[in-house]
Protein backbone atom coordinates (compact mmCIF):
# COMPACT_ATOMS: atom_id res chain seq x y z
CA MET A 1 -0.10 0.02 -0.08
CA LYS A 2 1.14 3.67 -0.50
CA TYR A 3 1.09 6.20 2.14
CA LEU A 4 1.98 9.95 2.17
CA LEU A 5 3.80 11.19 5.44
CA ASP A 6 2.96 14.46 7.21
CA THR A 7 6.04 16.34 8.16
CA HIS A 8 5.79 15.57 11.87
CA ALA A 9 5.33 11.78 11.27
CA LEU A 10 8.80 11.85 9.57
CA LEU A 11 10.38 13.77 12.28
CA TRP A 12 8.85 11.49 15.02
CA LEU A 13 10.02 8.52 12.88
CA ILE A 14 13.44 9.72 12.72
CA ASP A 15 13.62 10.53 16.60
CA ASP A 16 11.98 7.24 17.49
CA SER A 17 9.34 9.37 19.29
CA PRO A 18 6.85 7.55 21.58
CA GLN A 19 4.28 9.83 19.89
CA LEU A 20 4.58 7.48 16.82
CA GLY A 21 2.44 4.63 17.85
CA ASN A 22 3.39 0.93 17.20
CA GLY A 23 0.80 0.69 14.48
CA ILE A 24 2.28 3.37 12.44
CA LYS A 25 5.86 2.00 13.01
CA ASP A 26 4.40 -1.31 11.66
CA VAL A 27 3.51 0.59 8.45
CA PHE A 28 7.13 1.60 8.03
CA LEU A 29 8.44 -1.68 8.85
CA ASN A 30 6.18 -3.54 6.21
CA GLU A 31 8.34 -3.83 3.11
CA ASP A 32 5.21 -4.13 0.96
CA ASN A 33 4.20 -0.45 1.68
CA THR A 34 5.56 2.57 -0.27
CA ILE A 35 6.17 5.55 1.96
CA PHE A 36 5.99 9.03 0.25
CA LEU A 37 7.31 12.31 1.61
CA SER A 38 6.04 15.49 -0.14
CA VAL A 39 8.59 18.09 -1.27
CA ALA A 40 6.27 20.39 0.64
CA SER A 41 7.56 18.75 3.76
CA ILE A 42 11.14 19.22 2.77
CA TRP A 43 10.15 22.91 2.24
CA GLU A 44 8.65 23.11 5.60
CA ILE A 45 11.77 21.53 7.27
CA ALA A 46 14.02 24.21 5.26
CA ILE A 47 11.77 27.09 6.41
CA LYS A 48 11.74 25.85 10.16
CA LYS A 49 15.43 25.02 10.13
CA GLY A 50 16.29 28.41 8.78
CA GLY A 51 14.03 30.24 11.27
CA GLU A 52 15.51 27.91 14.18
CA LYS A 53 12.15 26.50 15.00
CA LEU A 54 13.65 23.19 14.17
CA GLN A 55 17.07 21.79 14.83
CA ILE A 56 18.42 19.17 12.43
CA PRO A 57 22.01 18.55 12.33
CA GLY A 58 23.97 19.30 9.27
CA THR A 59 22.55 20.47 5.94
CA LEU A 60 19.19 19.87 4.57
CA SER A 61 20.50 17.89 1.67
CA GLY A 62 22.39 15.65 4.34
CA PHE A 63 19.38 15.25 6.17
CA VAL A 64 17.18 14.22 2.97
CA ALA A 65 19.99 11.81 2.18
CA ASP A 66 20.36 10.37 5.60
CA HIS A 67 16.95 10.13 6.91
CA VAL A 68 14.47 10.28 3.88
CA ARG A 69 16.43 8.19 1.35
CA GLY A 70 18.11 6.08 4.29
CA ASN A 71 14.53 5.10 5.36
CA LYS A 72 13.55 4.13 1.85
CA ILE A 73 11.10 6.96 1.63
CA ASP A 74 10.19 8.08 -1.83
CA ILE A 75 10.02 11.87 -2.59
CA LEU A 76 6.66 12.99 -4.07
CA PRO A 77 7.29 15.85 -6.32
CA ILE A 78 4.75 18.86 -6.47
CA GLU A 79 2.98 18.58 -9.87
CA LEU A 80 0.61 21.07 -11.43
CA ASN A 81 -2.40 19.04 -10.82
CA HIS A 82 -1.51 18.87 -7.18
CA LEU A 83 -1.62 22.72 -7.30
CA TYR A 84 -4.79 22.81 -9.37
CA GLN A 85 -6.45 20.72 -6.66
CA LEU A 86 -5.84 23.40 -4.10
CA GLU A 87 -8.54 25.70 -5.46
CA ASN A 88 -11.16 22.77 -4.81
CA LEU A 89 -10.23 22.60 -1.20
CA GLU A 90 -12.44 24.12 1.51
CA PHE A 91 -10.34 26.66 3.55
CA ASN A 92 -10.83 24.98 6.89
CA HIS A 93 -7.16 24.42 7.30
CA LYS A 94 -4.91 27.30 6.68
CA ASP A 95 -1.46 25.68 6.86
CA PRO A 96 -0.07 25.97 3.40
CA PHE A 97 2.09 22.78 3.61
CA ASP A 98 -0.71 20.52 5.03
CA ARG A 99 -2.96 22.05 2.38
CA LEU A 100 -0.57 20.91 -0.27
CA ILE A 101 -0.08 17.49 1.22
CA ILE A 102 -3.93 17.10 1.42
CA SER A 103 -4.13 18.03 -2.21
CA GLN A 104 -1.37 15.41 -3.21
CA ALA A 105 -3.25 12.85 -1.16
CA ILE A 106 -6.37 13.53 -3.09
CA VAL A 107 -4.85 13.55 -6.53
CA GLU A 108 -2.71 10.53 -5.93
CA ASP A 109 -5.39 8.77 -3.90
CA ILE A 110 -3.22 7.88 -1.07
CA PRO A 111 -3.95 8.06 2.65
CA VAL A 112 -1.80 10.44 4.83
CA ILE A 113 0.11 9.34 8.04
CA SER A 114 -0.66 12.22 10.46
CA LYS A 115 -1.91 13.00 14.05
CA ASP A 116 -3.49 16.24 12.74
CA LYS A 117 -7.36 15.55 12.81
CA ALA A 118 -7.64 18.72 10.58
CA PHE A 119 -6.98 16.41 7.65
CA ASP A 120 -10.42 14.61 8.54
CA ASP A 121 -12.17 17.65 7.10
CA TYR A 122 -11.18 16.73 3.70
CA PRO A 123 -11.63 13.69 1.36
CA VAL A 124 -8.47 11.90 2.21
CA GLY A 125 -7.69 8.79 4.34
CA ARG A 126 -5.79 9.51 7.42
CA ILE A 127 -4.06 6.87 9.48
CA TRP A 128 -2.60 7.24 13.00
């Protein structure tokens, strides 16, 4: 099965955070699953790192190489059809990164791994 990570889910996976439940860890461990990370999440991490809201060691490119590619997570690029889908979304959730992830999940028809219940206001599957 395919899944799309929300940014915090990636960060908790890397930190082996207890906030990431065992069921979600099982999703990562199942080699039959394909896990995607949106370019929007990498953009969000870059902004938070630059604004010192997020501490990650080294460079962003090193972070992606070590933690994203190292965990066999595929990068989901931002395509025009993902952006076009944004205009169809209700404006219930204002976070631009989450909105883009929601749009990608709708277009690609894949559930999102996220603790954020705001995703439930949209026609996407959310697992947690």
